[in-house]
Amino acid sequence: MKLHTEISETALRSGIRAGEINFGGNKKLKIYGLLSCSSGKKMKNENRIFFTSEKEALQNHYRPCGHCLKAEYKLWKNKK
């Protein structure tokens, strides 16, 4: 888990290319999603957090995004 405010743009790009960063999330709303999600691209940098895997996001009690991870979101919602 890496906060956007604690990682340089160069390190962020290199982490994405290397496969070390695969998901982004909103630390205030506890939501994670794809890096390409239009909802995620609109959030403030101070609220953005990055994950290596979906498993890491779920272990940190984040829920799937309803826009870019619809199937995962439905499964998560049905478990509640």
PDB file of N, CA and C in Angstrom:
ATOM      1  N   MET A   1       0.850  -1.161   0.000  1.00  0.00           N
ATOM      2  CA  MET A   1       0.000   0.000   0.000  1.00  0.00           C
ATOM      3  C   MET A   1       0.900   1.230   0.000  1.00  0.00           C
ATOM      4  N   LYS A   2       0.662   2.129  -0.969  1.00  0.00           N
ATOM      5  CA  LYS A   2       1.471   3.331  -1.077  1.00  0.00           C
ATOM      6  C   LYS A   2       0.572   4.541  -1.269  1.00  0.00           C
ATOM      7  N   LEU A   3       0.809   5.574  -0.493  1.00  0.00           N
ATOM      8  CA  LEU A   3       0.061   6.820  -0.640  1.00  0.00           C
ATOM      9  C   LEU A   3       0.611   7.604  -1.821  1.00  0.00           C
ATOM     10  N   HIS A   4      -0.279   8.227  -2.584  1.00  0.00           N
ATOM     11  CA  HIS A   4       0.150   9.014  -3.734  1.00  0.00           C
ATOM     12  C   HIS A   4       1.044  10.178  -3.309  1.00  0.00           C
ATOM     13  N   THR A   5       0.766  10.758  -2.173  1.00  0.00           N
ATOM     14  CA  THR A   5       1.546  11.900  -1.700  1.00  0.00           C
ATOM     15  C   THR A   5       2.955  11.512  -1.257  1.00  0.00           C
ATOM     16  N   GLU A   6       3.199  10.217  -1.072  1.00  0.00           N
ATOM     17  CA  GLU A   6       4.503   9.751  -0.601  1.00  0.00           C
ATOM     18  C   GLU A   6       5.337   9.081  -1.690  1.00  0.00           C
ATOM     19  N   ILE A   7       4.900   9.195  -2.948  1.00  0.00           N
ATOM     20  CA  ILE A   7       5.609   8.565  -4.050  1.00  0.00           C
ATOM     21  C   ILE A   7       5.762   9.583  -5.181  1.00  0.00           C
ATOM     22  N   SER A   8       6.935   9.632  -5.764  1.00  0.00           N
ATOM     23  CA  SER A   8       7.170  10.581  -6.862  1.00  0.00           C
ATOM     24  C   SER A   8       6.479  10.083  -8.132  1.00  0.00           C
ATOM     25  N   GLU A   9       6.246  10.986  -9.067  1.00  0.00           N
ATOM     26  CA  GLU A   9       5.613  10.617 -10.333  1.00  0.00           C
ATOM     27  C   GLU A   9       6.467   9.601 -11.091  1.00  0.00           C
ATOM     28  N   THR A  10       7.772   9.772 -11.036  1.00  0.00           N
ATOM     29  CA  THR A  10       8.684   8.837 -11.706  1.00  0.00           C
ATOM     30  C   THR A  10       8.587   7.448 -11.088  1.00  0.00           C
ATOM     31  N   ALA A  11       8.596   7.379  -9.768  1.00  0.00           N
ATOM     32  CA  ALA A  11       8.483   6.097  -9.070  1.00  0.00           C
ATOM     33  C   ALA A  11       7.118   5.460  -9.322  1.00  0.00           C
ATOM     34  N   LEU A  12       6.094   6.273  -9.417  1.00  0.00           N
ATOM     35  CA  LEU A  12       4.746   5.775  -9.687  1.00  0.00           C
ATOM     36  C   LEU A  12       4.697   5.130 -11.071  1.00  0.00           C
ATOM     37  N   ARG A  13       5.180   5.838 -12.081  1.00  0.00           N
ATOM     38  CA  ARG A  13       5.180   5.300 -13.446  1.00  0.00           C
ATOM     39  C   ARG A  13       6.002   4.008 -13.534  1.00  0.00           C
ATOM     40  N   SER A  14       7.146   4.008 -12.890  1.00  0.00           N
ATOM     41  CA  SER A  14       7.999   2.818 -12.939  1.00  0.00           C
ATOM     42  C   SER A  14       7.348   1.658 -12.191  1.00  0.00           C
ATOM     43  N   GLY A  15       6.648   1.920 -11.090  1.00  0.00           N
ATOM     44  CA  GLY A  15       5.929   0.882 -10.348  1.00  0.00           C
ATOM     45  C   GLY A  15       4.790   0.280 -11.150  1.00  0.00           C
ATOM     46  N   ILE A  16       4.118   1.114 -11.930  1.00  0.00           N
ATOM     47  CA  ILE A  16       3.031   0.619 -12.784  1.00  0.00           C
ATOM     48  C   ILE A  16       3.604  -0.260 -13.887  1.00  0.00           C
ATOM     49  N   ARG A  17       4.675   0.212 -14.538  1.00  0.00           N
ATOM     50  CA  ARG A  17       5.313  -0.572 -15.608  1.00  0.00           C
ATOM     51  C   ARG A  17       5.862  -1.900 -15.102  1.00  0.00           C
ATOM     52  N   ALA A  18       6.387  -1.905 -13.899  1.00  0.00           N
ATOM     53  CA  ALA A  18       6.976  -3.122 -13.324  1.00  0.00           C
ATOM     54  C   ALA A  18       5.923  -4.072 -12.752  1.00  0.00           C
ATOM     55  N   GLY A  19       4.667  -3.654 -12.719  1.00  0.00           N
ATOM     56  CA  GLY A  19       3.615  -4.506 -12.174  1.00  0.00           C
ATOM     57  C   GLY A  19       3.524  -4.477 -10.665  1.00  0.00           C
ATOM     58  N   GLU A  20       4.193  -3.503 -10.034  1.00  0.00           N
ATOM     59  CA  GLU A  20       4.151  -3.375  -8.579  1.00  0.00           C
ATOM     60  C   GLU A  20       2.924  -2.585  -8.117  1.00  0.00           C
ATOM     61  N   ILE A  21       2.328  -1.820  -9.028  1.00  0.00           N
ATOM     62  CA  ILE A  21       1.124  -1.043  -8.738  1.00  0.00           C
ATOM     63  C   ILE A  21       0.084  -1.408  -9.787  1.00  0.00           C
ATOM     64  N   ASN A  22      -1.024  -2.004  -9.351  1.00  0.00           N
ATOM     65  CA  ASN A  22      -2.056  -2.471 -10.279  1.00  0.00           C
ATOM     66  C   ASN A  22      -3.437  -1.896 -10.003  1.00  0.00           C
ATOM     67  N   PHE A  23      -3.656  -1.398  -8.798  1.00  0.00           N
ATOM     68  CA  PHE A  23      -4.954  -0.861  -8.411  1.00  0.00           C
ATOM     69  C   PHE A  23      -4.760   0.456  -7.675  1.00  0.00           C
ATOM     70  N   GLY A  24      -5.749   1.327  -7.792  1.00  0.00           N
ATOM     71  CA  GLY A  24      -5.750   2.573  -7.050  1.00  0.00           C
ATOM     72  C   GLY A  24      -6.956   2.601  -6.143  1.00  0.00           C
ATOM     73  N   GLY A  25      -6.899   3.431  -5.114  1.00  0.00           N
ATOM     74  CA  GLY A  25      -8.019   3.504  -4.195  1.00  0.00           C
ATOM     75  C   GLY A  25      -8.163   4.872  -3.577  1.00  0.00           C
ATOM     76  N   ASN A  26      -9.292   5.067  -2.925  1.00  0.00           N
ATOM     77  CA  ASN A  26      -9.576   6.294  -2.204  1.00  0.00           C
ATOM     78  C   ASN A  26      -9.518   5.963  -0.722  1.00  0.00           C
ATOM     79  N   LYS A  27      -8.519   6.535  -0.031  1.00  0.00           N
ATOM     80  CA  LYS A  27      -8.330   6.159   1.385  1.00  0.00           C
ATOM     81  C   LYS A  27      -9.442   6.668   2.283  1.00  0.00           C
ATOM     82  N   LYS A  28     -10.133   7.744   1.904  1.00  0.00           N
ATOM     83  CA  LYS A  28     -11.240   8.240   2.737  1.00  0.00           C
ATOM     84  C   LYS A  28     -12.495   7.393   2.562  1.00  0.00           C
ATOM     85  N   LEU A  29     -12.782   7.008   1.326  1.00  0.00           N
ATOM     86  CA  LEU A  29     -13.997   6.241   1.050  1.00  0.00           C
ATOM     87  C   LEU A  29     -13.791   4.733   1.153  1.00  0.00           C
ATOM     88  N   LYS A  30     -12.506   4.298   1.230  1.00  0.00           N
ATOM     89  CA  LYS A  30     -12.153   2.885   1.326  1.00  0.00           C
ATOM     90  C   LYS A  30     -12.677   2.098   0.114  1.00  0.00           C
ATOM     91  N   ILE A  31     -12.437   2.662  -1.091  1.00  0.00           N
ATOM     92  CA  ILE A  31     -12.826   2.044  -2.355  1.00  0.00           C
ATOM     93  C   ILE A  31     -11.564   1.830  -3.181  1.00  0.00           C
ATOM     94  N   TYR A  32     -11.481   0.704  -3.882  1.00  0.00           N
ATOM     95  CA  TYR A  32     -10.360   0.483  -4.797  1.00  0.00           C
ATOM     96  C   TYR A  32     -10.884   0.147  -6.183  1.00  0.00           C
ATOM     97  N   GLY A  33     -10.063   0.405  -7.191  1.00  0.00           N
ATOM     98  CA  GLY A  33     -10.458   0.103  -8.559  1.00  0.00           C
ATOM     99  C   GLY A  33      -9.270   0.073  -9.496  1.00  0.00           C
ATOM    100  N   LEU A  34      -9.578  -0.044 -10.767  1.00  0.00           N
ATOM    101  CA  LEU A  34      -8.556  -0.072 -11.805  1.00  0.00           C
ATOM    102  C   LEU A  34      -7.900   1.290 -11.952  1.00  0.00           C
ATOM    103  N   LEU A  35      -6.657   1.296 -12.370  1.00  0.00           N
ATOM    104  CA  LEU A  35      -5.944   2.558 -12.562  1.00  0.00           C
ATOM    105  C   LEU A  35      -6.558   3.375 -13.695  1.00  0.00           C
ATOM    106  N   SER A  36      -7.250   2.723 -14.612  1.00  0.00           N
ATOM    107  CA  SER A  36      -7.874   3.401 -15.749  1.00  0.00           C
ATOM    108  C   SER A  36      -9.279   3.935 -15.459  1.00  0.00           C
ATOM    109  N   CYS A  37      -9.797   3.712 -14.274  1.00  0.00           N
ATOM    110  CA  CYS A  37     -11.164   4.117 -13.918  1.00  0.00           C
ATOM    111  C   CYS A  37     -11.320   5.631 -13.949  1.00  0.00           C
ATOM    112  N   SER A  38     -12.358   6.110 -14.619  1.00  0.00           N
ATOM    113  CA  SER A  38     -12.596   7.553 -14.706  1.00  0.00           C
ATOM    114  C   SER A  38     -12.920   8.155 -13.341  1.00  0.00           C
ATOM    115  N   SER A  39     -13.564   7.406 -12.474  1.00  0.00           N
ATOM    116  CA  SER A  39     -13.866   7.896 -11.128  1.00  0.00           C
ATOM    117  C   SER A  39     -12.589   8.083 -10.319  1.00  0.00           C
ATOM    118  N   GLY A  40     -11.676   7.148 -10.433  1.00  0.00           N
ATOM    119  CA  GLY A  40     -10.418   7.213  -9.704  1.00  0.00           C
ATOM    120  C   GLY A  40      -9.525   8.344 -10.179  1.00  0.00           C
ATOM    121  N   LYS A  41      -9.608   8.647 -11.462  1.00  0.00           N
ATOM    122  CA  LYS A  41      -8.767   9.711 -12.021  1.00  0.00           C
ATOM    123  C   LYS A  41      -9.199  11.086 -11.529  1.00  0.00           C
ATOM    124  N   LYS A  42     -10.423  11.205 -11.039  1.00  0.00           N
ATOM    125  CA  LYS A  42     -10.961  12.495 -10.595  1.00  0.00           C
ATOM    126  C   LYS A  42     -10.648  12.812  -9.135  1.00  0.00           C
ATOM    127  N   MET A  43     -10.189  11.831  -8.379  1.00  0.00           N
ATOM    128  CA  MET A  43      -9.979  12.072  -6.950  1.00  0.00           C
ATOM    129  C   MET A  43      -8.721  12.890  -6.684  1.00  0.00           C
ATOM    130  N   LYS A  44      -8.706  13.520  -5.542  1.00  0.00           N
ATOM    131  CA  LYS A  44      -7.557  14.322  -5.130  1.00  0.00           C
ATOM    132  C   LYS A  44      -6.379  13.415  -4.807  1.00  0.00           C
ATOM    133  N   ASN A  45      -5.169  13.893  -5.121  1.00  0.00           N
ATOM    134  CA  ASN A  45      -3.963  13.103  -4.857  1.00  0.00           C
ATOM    135  C   ASN A  45      -3.824  12.733  -3.386  1.00  0.00           C
ATOM    136  N   GLU A  46      -4.219  13.625  -2.484  1.00  0.00           N
ATOM    137  CA  GLU A  46      -4.061  13.326  -1.057  1.00  0.00           C
ATOM    138  C   GLU A  46      -4.985  12.200  -0.579  1.00  0.00           C
ATOM    139  N   ASN A  47      -6.011  11.864  -1.378  1.00  0.00           N
ATOM    140  CA  ASN A  47      -6.914  10.768  -1.019  1.00  0.00           C
ATOM    141  C   ASN A  47      -6.555   9.462  -1.728  1.00  0.00           C
ATOM    142  N   ARG A  48      -5.641   9.528  -2.695  1.00  0.00           N
ATOM    143  CA  ARG A  48      -5.317   8.375  -3.532  1.00  0.00           C
ATOM    144  C   ARG A  48      -4.264   7.480  -2.877  1.00  0.00           C
ATOM    145  N   ILE A  49      -4.508   6.176  -3.023  1.00  0.00           N
ATOM    146  CA  ILE A  49      -3.612   5.155  -2.481  1.00  0.00           C
ATOM    147  C   ILE A  49      -3.463   4.067  -3.543  1.00  0.00           C
ATOM    148  N   PHE A  50      -2.333   3.394  -3.564  1.00  0.00           N
ATOM    149  CA  PHE A  50      -2.087   2.374  -4.574  1.00  0.00           C
ATOM    150  C   PHE A  50      -1.858   1.018  -3.940  1.00  0.00           C
ATOM    151  N   PHE A  51      -2.301  -0.019  -4.650  1.00  0.00           N
ATOM    152  CA  PHE A  51      -2.165  -1.402  -4.187  1.00  0.00           C
ATOM    153  C   PHE A  51      -1.486  -2.254  -5.251  1.00  0.00           C
ATOM    154  N   THR A  52      -0.763  -3.245  -4.810  1.00  0.00           N
ATOM    155  CA  THR A  52      -0.132  -4.199  -5.719  1.00  0.00           C
ATOM    156  C   THR A  52      -1.172  -5.155  -6.278  1.00  0.00           C
ATOM    157  N   SER A  53      -2.099  -5.567  -5.428  1.00  0.00           N
ATOM    158  CA  SER A  53      -3.083  -6.573  -5.844  1.00  0.00           C
ATOM    159  C   SER A  53      -4.456  -6.271  -5.249  1.00  0.00           C
ATOM    160  N   GLU A  54      -5.425  -6.935  -5.820  1.00  0.00           N
ATOM    161  CA  GLU A  54      -6.786  -6.838  -5.304  1.00  0.00           C
ATOM    162  C   GLU A  54      -6.852  -7.436  -3.897  1.00  0.00           C
ATOM    163  N   LYS A  55      -6.097  -8.497  -3.690  1.00  0.00           N
ATOM    164  CA  LYS A  55      -6.044  -9.150  -2.379  1.00  0.00           C
ATOM    165  C   LYS A  55      -5.556  -8.170  -1.311  1.00  0.00           C
ATOM    166  N   GLU A  56      -4.538  -7.383  -1.644  1.00  0.00           N
ATOM    167  CA  GLU A  56      -4.008  -6.393  -0.706  1.00  0.00           C
ATOM    168  C   GLU A  56      -5.076  -5.357  -0.346  1.00  0.00           C
ATOM    169  N   ALA A  57      -5.825  -4.903  -1.344  1.00  0.00           N
ATOM    170  CA  ALA A  57      -6.891  -3.925  -1.095  1.00  0.00           C
ATOM    171  C   ALA A  57      -7.969  -4.512  -0.184  1.00  0.00           C
ATOM    172  N   LEU A  58      -8.372  -5.739  -0.462  1.00  0.00           N
ATOM    173  CA  LEU A  58      -9.406  -6.387   0.350  1.00  0.00           C
ATOM    174  C   LEU A  58      -8.925  -6.634   1.778  1.00  0.00           C
ATOM    175  N   GLN A  59      -7.661  -6.997   1.939  1.00  0.00           N
ATOM    176  CA  GLN A  59      -7.103  -7.220   3.274  1.00  0.00           C
ATOM    177  C   GLN A  59      -7.097  -5.933   4.098  1.00  0.00           C
ATOM    178  N   ASN A  60      -7.046  -4.793   3.417  1.00  0.00           N
ATOM    179  CA  ASN A  60      -7.051  -3.501   4.101  1.00  0.00           C
ATOM    180  C   ASN A  60      -8.460  -2.918   4.190  1.00  0.00           C
ATOM    181  N   HIS A  61      -9.466  -3.766   3.960  1.00  0.00           N
ATOM    182  CA  HIS A  61     -10.881  -3.426   4.138  1.00  0.00           C
ATOM    183  C   HIS A  61     -11.382  -2.370   3.153  1.00  0.00           C
ATOM    184  N   TYR A  62     -10.881  -2.433   1.911  1.00  0.00           N
ATOM    185  CA  TYR A  62     -11.386  -1.577   0.846  1.00  0.00           C
ATOM    186  C   TYR A  62     -12.406  -2.370   0.053  1.00  0.00           C
ATOM    187  N   ARG A  63     -13.406  -1.694  -0.500  1.00  0.00           N
ATOM    188  CA  ARG A  63     -14.417  -2.371  -1.306  1.00  0.00           C
ATOM    189  C   ARG A  63     -14.180  -2.075  -2.779  1.00  0.00           C
ATOM    190  N   PRO A  64     -14.656  -2.950  -3.676  1.00  0.00           N
ATOM    191  CA  PRO A  64     -14.475  -2.724  -5.108  1.00  0.00           C
ATOM    192  C   PRO A  64     -15.284  -1.526  -5.610  1.00  0.00           C
ATOM    193  N   CYS A  65     -14.768  -0.881  -6.634  1.00  0.00           N
ATOM    194  CA  CYS A  65     -15.444   0.263  -7.260  1.00  0.00           C
ATOM    195  C   CYS A  65     -16.664  -0.237  -8.033  1.00  0.00           C
ATOM    196  N   GLY A  66     -17.760   0.454  -7.916  1.00  0.00           N
ATOM    197  CA  GLY A  66     -18.982   0.094  -8.630  1.00  0.00           C
ATOM    198  C   GLY A  66     -18.955   0.453 -10.101  1.00  0.00           C
ATOM    199  N   HIS A  67     -17.997   1.266 -10.523  1.00  0.00           N
ATOM    200  CA  HIS A  67     -17.911   1.664 -11.932  1.00  0.00           C
ATOM    201  C   HIS A  67     -17.022   0.727 -12.751  1.00  0.00           C
ATOM    202  N   CYS A  68     -15.805   0.509 -12.309  1.00  0.00           N
ATOM    203  CA  CYS A  68     -14.848  -0.261 -13.112  1.00  0.00           C
ATOM    204  C   CYS A  68     -14.757  -1.731 -12.717  1.00  0.00           C
ATOM    205  N   LEU A  69     -15.258  -2.097 -11.557  1.00  0.00           N
ATOM    206  CA  LEU A  69     -15.227  -3.494 -11.093  1.00  0.00           C
ATOM    207  C   LEU A  69     -16.651  -3.935 -10.726  1.00  0.00           C
ATOM    208  N   LYS A  70     -17.556  -3.829 -11.694  1.00  0.00           N
ATOM    209  CA  LYS A  70     -18.979  -4.085 -11.431  1.00  0.00           C
ATOM    210  C   LYS A  70     -19.252  -5.488 -10.891  1.00  0.00           C
ATOM    211  N   ALA A  71     -18.648  -6.497 -11.484  1.00  0.00           N
ATOM    212  CA  ALA A  71     -18.893  -7.875 -11.026  1.00  0.00           C
ATOM    213  C   ALA A  71     -18.390  -8.071  -9.599  1.00  0.00           C
ATOM    214  N   GLU A  72     -17.181  -7.580  -9.320  1.00  0.00           N
ATOM    215  CA  GLU A  72     -16.617  -7.695  -7.972  1.00  0.00           C
ATOM    216  C   GLU A  72     -17.435  -6.912  -6.957  1.00  0.00           C
ATOM    217  N   TYR A  73     -17.932  -5.740  -7.384  1.00  0.00           N
ATOM    218  CA  TYR A  73     -18.760  -4.912  -6.509  1.00  0.00           C
ATOM    219  C   TYR A  73     -20.056  -5.645  -6.159  1.00  0.00           C
ATOM    220  N   LYS A  74     -20.687  -6.271  -7.148  1.00  0.00           N
ATOM    221  CA  LYS A  74     -21.930  -7.004  -6.887  1.00  0.00           C
ATOM    222  C   LYS A  74     -21.700  -8.154  -5.914  1.00  0.00           C
ATOM    223  N   LEU A  75     -20.592  -8.877  -6.086  1.00  0.00           N
ATOM    224  CA  LEU A  75     -20.269  -9.958  -5.143  1.00  0.00           C
ATOM    225  C   LEU A  75     -20.065  -9.417  -3.743  1.00  0.00           C
ATOM    226  N   TRP A  76     -19.323  -8.310  -3.642  1.00  0.00           N
ATOM    227  CA  TRP A  76     -19.063  -7.682  -2.344  1.00  0.00           C
ATOM    228  C   TRP A  76     -20.374  -7.235  -1.702  1.00  0.00           C
ATOM    229  N   LYS A  77     -21.244  -6.603  -2.485  1.00  0.00           N
ATOM    230  CA  LYS A  77     -22.510  -6.091  -1.958  1.00  0.00           C
ATOM    231  C   LYS A  77     -23.420  -7.231  -1.495  1.00  0.00           C
ATOM    232  N   ASN A  78     -23.429  -8.336  -2.206  1.00  0.00           N
ATOM    233  CA  ASN A  78     -24.265  -9.470  -1.834  1.00  0.00           C
ATOM    234  C   ASN A  78     -23.785 -10.174  -0.573  1.00  0.00           C
ATOM    235  N   LYS A  79     -22.507 -10.022  -0.235  1.00  0.00           N
ATOM    236  CA  LYS A  79     -21.960 -10.632   0.983  1.00  0.00           C
ATOM    237  C   LYS A  79     -22.381  -9.868   2.226  1.00  0.00           C
ATOM    238  N   LYS A  80     -22.745  -8.606   2.085  1.00  0.00           N
ATOM    239  CA  LYS A  80     -23.108  -7.778   3.237  1.00  0.00           C
ATOM    240  C   LYS A  80     -24.421  -8.200   3.821  1.00  0.00           C
TER     241      LYS A  80
END
